[in-house]
Amino acid sequence: MSSTVIVHLFAHPGHLSELRAYEARVLPLLEDHGGRLEMAFEPSRANSTFADLPDEVHILTFPSTEAWQNLTTDSRYAGLAAQRQAAIRKTQIVVADSQVPYD
């Protein structure tokens, strides 16, 4: 069963370009694990109710939860930890393994 992953990324102040450079390096690894970046966007600060709004939100899809987990344990991903820590102050992740039908 496919899996959707929603990632809220919070850059260190003044480090949005570094966050994007890091994410550009992660994208090929995501694809190596069958993942796809469906959408990346900056939330509207004028129309949001979060007190601590992320700088970017990514919507990812993977063929399975295991594929997502394989990305997070990939040694190449781990090798980017220093770049990640320098750019990103906080990450929130929601993994959806099933959809709620409202038909």
N, C-alpha and C. Protein backbone atom coordinates (compact mmCIF):
# COMPACT_ATOMS: atom_id res chain seq x y z
N MET A 1 0.83 -1.17 0.00
CA MET A 1 0.00 0.00 0.00
C MET A 1 0.88 1.24 0.00
N SER A 2 0.53 2.22 -0.81
CA SER A 2 1.34 3.44 -0.89
C SER A 2 1.21 4.25 0.40
N SER A 3 2.15 5.16 0.58
CA SER A 3 2.20 5.97 1.78
C SER A 3 2.44 7.42 1.40
N THR A 4 1.73 8.30 2.06
CA THR A 4 1.91 9.74 1.87
C THR A 4 2.61 10.29 3.11
N VAL A 5 3.59 11.14 2.89
CA VAL A 5 4.37 11.74 3.97
C VAL A 5 4.27 13.25 3.83
N ILE A 6 3.87 13.91 4.91
CA ILE A 6 3.79 15.37 4.92
C ILE A 6 4.88 15.86 5.87
N VAL A 7 5.74 16.73 5.35
CA VAL A 7 6.89 17.20 6.11
C VAL A 7 6.82 18.72 6.27
N HIS A 8 6.86 19.17 7.51
CA HIS A 8 6.94 20.60 7.82
C HIS A 8 8.40 20.89 8.15
N LEU A 9 9.00 21.82 7.41
CA LEU A 9 10.40 22.16 7.58
C LEU A 9 10.54 23.59 8.10
N PHE A 10 11.31 23.74 9.17
CA PHE A 10 11.53 25.04 9.80
C PHE A 10 13.02 25.36 9.67
N ALA A 11 13.35 26.36 8.88
CA ALA A 11 14.75 26.75 8.68
C ALA A 11 15.24 27.54 9.88
N HIS A 12 16.55 27.46 10.12
CA HIS A 12 17.15 28.40 11.06
C HIS A 12 16.94 29.79 10.48
N PRO A 13 16.75 30.81 11.31
CA PRO A 13 16.55 32.16 10.79
C PRO A 13 17.64 32.54 9.78
N GLY A 14 17.20 33.01 8.61
CA GLY A 14 18.14 33.44 7.58
C GLY A 14 18.77 32.31 6.78
N HIS A 15 18.29 31.08 6.96
CA HIS A 15 18.91 29.93 6.30
C HIS A 15 17.97 29.19 5.34
N LEU A 16 17.00 29.89 4.79
CA LEU A 16 16.07 29.25 3.86
C LEU A 16 16.78 28.73 2.61
N SER A 17 17.75 29.47 2.11
CA SER A 17 18.47 29.00 0.91
C SER A 17 19.27 27.74 1.23
N GLU A 18 19.79 27.62 2.43
CA GLU A 18 20.52 26.41 2.83
C GLU A 18 19.57 25.23 2.97
N LEU A 19 18.36 25.49 3.49
CA LEU A 19 17.35 24.43 3.56
C LEU A 19 17.06 23.91 2.16
N ARG A 20 16.89 24.80 1.22
CA ARG A 20 16.56 24.39 -0.16
C ARG A 20 17.74 23.67 -0.82
N ALA A 21 18.94 24.08 -0.52
CA ALA A 21 20.11 23.38 -1.07
C ALA A 21 20.19 21.97 -0.50
N TYR A 22 19.90 21.82 0.78
CA TYR A 22 19.88 20.48 1.40
C TYR A 22 18.80 19.63 0.76
N GLU A 23 17.61 20.17 0.63
CA GLU A 23 16.51 19.40 0.05
C GLU A 23 16.80 19.00 -1.40
N ALA A 24 17.49 19.85 -2.13
CA ALA A 24 17.86 19.52 -3.51
C ALA A 24 18.79 18.30 -3.53
N ARG A 25 19.61 18.14 -2.50
CA ARG A 25 20.50 16.97 -2.42
C ARG A 25 19.76 15.72 -1.98
N VAL A 26 18.68 15.90 -1.21
CA VAL A 26 17.90 14.75 -0.74
C VAL A 26 16.99 14.21 -1.84
N LEU A 27 16.52 15.05 -2.72
CA LEU A 27 15.55 14.64 -3.74
C LEU A 27 15.98 13.41 -4.54
N PRO A 28 17.22 13.33 -5.05
CA PRO A 28 17.61 12.11 -5.77
C PRO A 28 17.57 10.86 -4.89
N LEU A 29 17.88 10.99 -3.60
CA LEU A 29 17.81 9.84 -2.70
C LEU A 29 16.37 9.40 -2.52
N LEU A 30 15.48 10.36 -2.38
CA LEU A 30 14.05 10.07 -2.28
C LEU A 30 13.60 9.26 -3.49
N GLU A 31 14.01 9.70 -4.68
CA GLU A 31 13.64 9.01 -5.91
C GLU A 31 14.24 7.62 -5.98
N ASP A 32 15.45 7.44 -5.45
CA ASP A 32 16.09 6.12 -5.42
C ASP A 32 15.27 5.12 -4.61
N HIS A 33 14.47 5.62 -3.69
CA HIS A 33 13.65 4.75 -2.84
C HIS A 33 12.19 4.71 -3.30
N GLY A 34 11.96 5.14 -4.52
CA GLY A 34 10.61 5.09 -5.09
C GLY A 34 9.73 6.26 -4.67
N GLY A 35 10.31 7.23 -3.98
CA GLY A 35 9.55 8.38 -3.52
C GLY A 35 9.39 9.43 -4.59
N ARG A 36 8.40 10.27 -4.37
CA ARG A 36 8.12 11.35 -5.31
C ARG A 36 7.72 12.60 -4.52
N LEU A 37 8.31 13.73 -4.86
CA LEU A 37 7.91 15.00 -4.29
C LEU A 37 6.69 15.47 -5.08
N GLU A 38 5.52 15.37 -4.47
CA GLU A 38 4.28 15.76 -5.16
C GLU A 38 4.11 17.27 -5.15
N MET A 39 4.53 17.90 -4.05
CA MET A 39 4.37 19.34 -3.94
C MET A 39 5.28 19.86 -2.83
N ALA A 40 5.84 21.02 -3.06
CA ALA A 40 6.57 21.76 -2.03
C ALA A 40 6.05 23.19 -2.09
N PHE A 41 5.75 23.76 -0.92
CA PHE A 41 5.23 25.12 -0.93
C PHE A 41 5.58 25.84 0.36
N GLU A 42 5.53 27.18 0.26
CA GLU A 42 5.68 28.05 1.42
C GLU A 42 4.27 28.38 1.90
N PRO A 43 3.96 28.06 3.15
CA PRO A 43 2.62 28.38 3.66
C PRO A 43 2.39 29.89 3.70
N SER A 44 1.16 30.27 3.50
CA SER A 44 0.78 31.67 3.57
C SER A 44 0.73 32.12 5.03
N ARG A 45 1.56 33.05 5.37
CA ARG A 45 1.57 33.55 6.75
C ARG A 45 0.32 34.37 7.04
N ALA A 46 -0.26 34.98 6.02
CA ALA A 46 -1.45 35.81 6.21
C ALA A 46 -2.70 34.96 6.46
N ASN A 47 -2.71 33.74 6.00
CA ASN A 47 -3.92 32.92 6.07
C ASN A 47 -3.74 31.65 6.88
N SER A 48 -2.79 31.60 7.78
CA SER A 48 -2.54 30.41 8.58
C SER A 48 -2.79 30.70 10.05
N THR A 49 -3.12 29.65 10.77
CA THR A 49 -3.42 29.80 12.19
C THR A 49 -2.35 29.22 13.10
N PHE A 50 -1.27 28.68 12.54
CA PHE A 50 -0.19 28.13 13.34
C PHE A 50 0.61 29.24 13.99
N ALA A 51 0.96 29.07 15.25
CA ALA A 51 1.82 30.04 15.93
C ALA A 51 3.24 29.94 15.39
N ASP A 52 3.70 28.72 15.13
CA ASP A 52 5.05 28.48 14.60
C ASP A 52 4.88 27.85 13.22
N LEU A 53 4.80 28.67 12.21
CA LEU A 53 4.53 28.22 10.85
C LEU A 53 5.80 27.71 10.19
N PRO A 54 5.75 26.55 9.53
CA PRO A 54 6.95 26.07 8.84
C PRO A 54 7.32 26.98 7.68
N ASP A 55 8.59 26.93 7.31
CA ASP A 55 9.04 27.71 6.15
C ASP A 55 8.67 27.02 4.84
N GLU A 56 8.64 25.70 4.87
CA GLU A 56 8.21 24.91 3.71
C GLU A 56 7.43 23.70 4.18
N VAL A 57 6.50 23.26 3.32
CA VAL A 57 5.78 22.03 3.52
C VAL A 57 5.99 21.18 2.27
N HIS A 58 6.34 19.92 2.49
CA HIS A 58 6.52 18.98 1.38
C HIS A 58 5.49 17.87 1.50
N ILE A 59 4.90 17.52 0.38
CA ILE A 59 4.01 16.37 0.31
C ILE A 59 4.72 15.34 -0.56
N LEU A 60 5.02 14.20 0.05
CA LEU A 60 5.76 13.13 -0.61
C LEU A 60 4.89 11.89 -0.72
N THR A 61 5.12 11.09 -1.74
CA THR A 61 4.48 9.78 -1.82
C THR A 61 5.56 8.73 -2.01
N PHE A 62 5.30 7.57 -1.43
CA PHE A 62 6.19 6.41 -1.52
C PHE A 62 5.35 5.19 -1.83
N PRO A 63 5.94 4.19 -2.47
CA PRO A 63 5.18 2.98 -2.77
C PRO A 63 4.74 2.22 -1.51
N SER A 64 5.42 2.48 -0.38
CA SER A 64 5.08 1.81 0.87
C SER A 64 5.72 2.57 2.03
N THR A 65 5.27 2.28 3.23
CA THR A 65 5.90 2.86 4.41
C THR A 65 7.34 2.39 4.53
N GLU A 66 7.59 1.14 4.14
CA GLU A 66 8.95 0.60 4.18
C GLU A 66 9.89 1.38 3.27
N ALA A 67 9.41 1.82 2.11
CA ALA A 67 10.24 2.62 1.21
C ALA A 67 10.64 3.94 1.88
N TRP A 68 9.70 4.56 2.57
CA TRP A 68 9.99 5.79 3.32
C TRP A 68 11.03 5.51 4.40
N GLN A 69 10.83 4.43 5.15
CA GLN A 69 11.76 4.08 6.21
C GLN A 69 13.15 3.77 5.65
N ASN A 70 13.20 3.15 4.48
CA ASN A 70 14.49 2.85 3.85
C ASN A 70 15.24 4.13 3.50
N LEU A 71 14.52 5.16 3.08
CA LEU A 71 15.17 6.45 2.82
C LEU A 71 15.80 6.98 4.10
N THR A 72 15.06 6.93 5.19
CA THR A 72 15.55 7.54 6.43
C THR A 72 16.72 6.78 7.04
N THR A 73 16.94 5.54 6.62
CA THR A 73 18.08 4.77 7.12
C THR A 73 19.19 4.62 6.08
N ASP A 74 19.05 5.25 4.95
CA ASP A 74 20.05 5.21 3.88
C ASP A 74 21.32 5.94 4.37
N SER A 75 22.47 5.32 4.21
CA SER A 75 23.72 5.92 4.68
C SER A 75 24.02 7.24 3.96
N ARG A 76 23.58 7.38 2.72
CA ARG A 76 23.79 8.64 1.99
C ARG A 76 22.97 9.76 2.62
N TYR A 77 21.77 9.43 3.08
CA TYR A 77 20.91 10.39 3.78
C TYR A 77 21.56 10.80 5.10
N ALA A 78 22.04 9.82 5.82
CA ALA A 78 22.72 10.09 7.09
C ALA A 78 23.96 10.95 6.87
N GLY A 79 24.63 10.78 5.73
CA GLY A 79 25.82 11.56 5.41
C GLY A 79 25.55 13.04 5.21
N LEU A 80 24.28 13.41 5.08
CA LEU A 80 23.91 14.82 4.90
C LEU A 80 23.49 15.47 6.22
N ALA A 81 23.68 14.76 7.33
CA ALA A 81 23.20 15.24 8.63
C ALA A 81 23.77 16.60 9.01
N ALA A 82 25.03 16.85 8.77
CA ALA A 82 25.63 18.13 9.15
C ALA A 82 25.01 19.28 8.35
N GLN A 83 24.80 19.05 7.06
CA GLN A 83 24.17 20.07 6.22
C GLN A 83 22.74 20.33 6.70
N ARG A 84 22.07 19.25 7.05
CA ARG A 84 20.68 19.36 7.55
C ARG A 84 20.64 20.17 8.84
N GLN A 85 21.50 19.84 9.77
CA GLN A 85 21.51 20.52 11.07
C GLN A 85 21.85 22.00 10.94
N ALA A 86 22.68 22.34 9.97
CA ALA A 86 23.05 23.74 9.76
C ALA A 86 21.89 24.54 9.17
N ALA A 87 21.00 23.90 8.43
CA ALA A 87 19.93 24.59 7.72
C ALA A 87 18.58 24.52 8.42
N ILE A 88 18.28 23.40 9.07
CA ILE A 88 16.93 23.14 9.55
C ILE A 88 16.91 23.06 11.08
N ARG A 89 16.07 23.88 11.69
CA ARG A 89 15.99 23.90 13.16
C ARG A 89 14.97 22.92 13.70
N LYS A 90 13.95 22.58 12.88
CA LYS A 90 12.91 21.68 13.35
C LYS A 90 12.21 21.06 12.15
N THR A 91 11.80 19.80 12.32
CA THR A 91 11.03 19.09 11.30
C THR A 91 9.87 18.39 11.98
N GLN A 92 8.71 18.47 11.36
CA GLN A 92 7.54 17.72 11.81
C GLN A 92 7.10 16.83 10.65
N ILE A 93 6.87 15.55 10.95
CA ILE A 93 6.53 14.58 9.90
C ILE A 93 5.25 13.87 10.27
N VAL A 94 4.36 13.76 9.28
CA VAL A 94 3.14 12.98 9.43
C VAL A 94 3.14 11.96 8.30
N VAL A 95 3.02 10.67 8.67
CA VAL A 95 2.97 9.60 7.67
C VAL A 95 1.56 9.04 7.65
N ALA A 96 0.96 9.04 6.48
CA ALA A 96 -0.41 8.52 6.31
C ALA A 96 -0.32 7.17 5.61
N ASP A 97 -0.75 6.13 6.31
CA ASP A 97 -0.73 4.79 5.73
C ASP A 97 -2.06 4.42 5.09
N SER A 98 -3.08 5.20 5.36
CA SER A 98 -4.39 4.91 4.78
C SER A 98 -5.14 6.22 4.58
N GLN A 99 -6.14 6.16 3.73
CA GLN A 99 -6.95 7.33 3.46
C GLN A 99 -8.32 7.13 4.10
N VAL A 100 -8.93 8.22 4.49
CA VAL A 100 -10.28 8.16 5.03
C VAL A 100 -11.24 8.46 3.90
N PRO A 101 -12.10 7.49 3.56
CA PRO A 101 -13.04 7.73 2.46
C PRO A 101 -14.24 8.57 2.92
N TYR A 102 -14.51 9.62 2.20
CA TYR A 102 -15.67 10.46 2.47
C TYR A 102 -16.63 10.44 1.30
N ASP A 103 -16.77 9.30 0.71
CA ASP A 103 -17.68 9.17 -0.45
C ASP A 103 -19.11 9.07 -0.02
